[in-house]
């Protein structure tokens, strides 16, 4: 049976075809034509196939009927259209073959109407585009100064100047083109210091800029500050040494007068008040002392002898002159001023008002009218946190009220009591003194402790009550 040879496609008969008729055209003439065409193709070296056609990035081109695709076959074609991606080429119906550059990268950017030389590479079954350096996109400033490169745009001469890429110009830890950055070159973009925060005369780098400090140096050694009566102001700036503010072991509450504060230490010492000058210049006619306050004066109660009703609280200075008079504003005129505190005057009613007391300020404005549970012989009061404690003495008993007239304590005396002549406020209670019934006539001193509402006899004898009071005047605040 007849067959064709592998490479030139020559027609040949098998030995078993001995009885076939010899055909001159098929067996000789056609074979010689193929050999002649092969010889012609070999002489031309490159087979010029002309322009391609395409469907997208798939290109095809016609080839002579005798065309045989062989390894190393050189072809000259002209692509009819620009490509938009990796291309393939089908030559003479031999099948679509991928087109690659010399480095076996897919060719993606052939241009229309430009001739291209391709060679067939059988092991990868692909065409290799000759003279194609890939898809380089570098431009001049991508290429080192003085160097050249061939890209899709042709030969490009580099303009990239790396002469300034030196260690001094690179940040620490950065390597560029084999050059390592200098250790002292650091990024200062995160710096936030300002000139007033930097020591005067010193410099720093903040966010790429050199900053000279303006924060003044106020002292270069240790300093000691002793407190006094005026503030000690240390100007803002830098102090190199320790600053010691002197303390004093005597600065304790027990060394500070009550009502005063020294460097935040509130005093608890009750100050003895001196009022001997007031007593020397005091006119006792129709007057009864009811209070004394340093830097204010001595208060006394005066009864108008004309009416025996219009009672007045009078403030005297230390030479016996009247500083102020406060007349009870009640229209009845039946209230006697019996004691003065720091901020208030206590008035005791008499006659038909004997079961009533009034609290006024030191200008005579009524603060409270209080009705008591019984008629007291005498009353006294003291200022406490949150208001007043009012002590009222009746026969053999004491009743304690708050500022609103609520009864908050009651005590029965051990001995008979006629009348309290003095009420002495203390820090934690009240001392009472007066006369008691009996024969002979006796005097007493009693004490009520406010913290636990206890009642105690301090003195009870026939001794003159004045001696008791002088003793207490040396140890208690009046």
Foldseek 3Di string as FASTA:
>chain_A
DWFADDQLGQIDDDPVPVVDDDDCCRNPVVNVVSVVVVVVCVVVQEAEQEEWDDDAQEIETEDDPRDDADAFHKYKYFYAAWHQAFHWYHYNNPDTATEAEPVRHGDGTDHGGDIWMWGAHPVRRHIYTPPAPHADDDAQLVDEAQDWDQHPVGIHHHDNYCPPVEQDPDAAPDADPNHHHDPPHHAQAPDDDAQLRDEAQDWDAHRRDIHGHDFYEQEQEEEEAEDDPDDDDDDGGHYNYHYHYDDDPCQAQDNDEAPDADPRHHHDRDDQDDQVLQVVQEDPVQWDWADADPPFATWIKHADPVVSQFIKIFGAHSNGDTPDIATAPDPVSQWTFRHDEPFWTKTAGDDVRQQWIFIDGPNNHTDDIEGAPDRAQDKDWYADVPFIWIWGHHWQKIWIATPHHHTDAIGGHPFTFDHWPDWADAPFWIKTKDWGDDPPIWIWIKIAGNVVRDIGTDDIGRDDVVVVVVVVSVPGHD
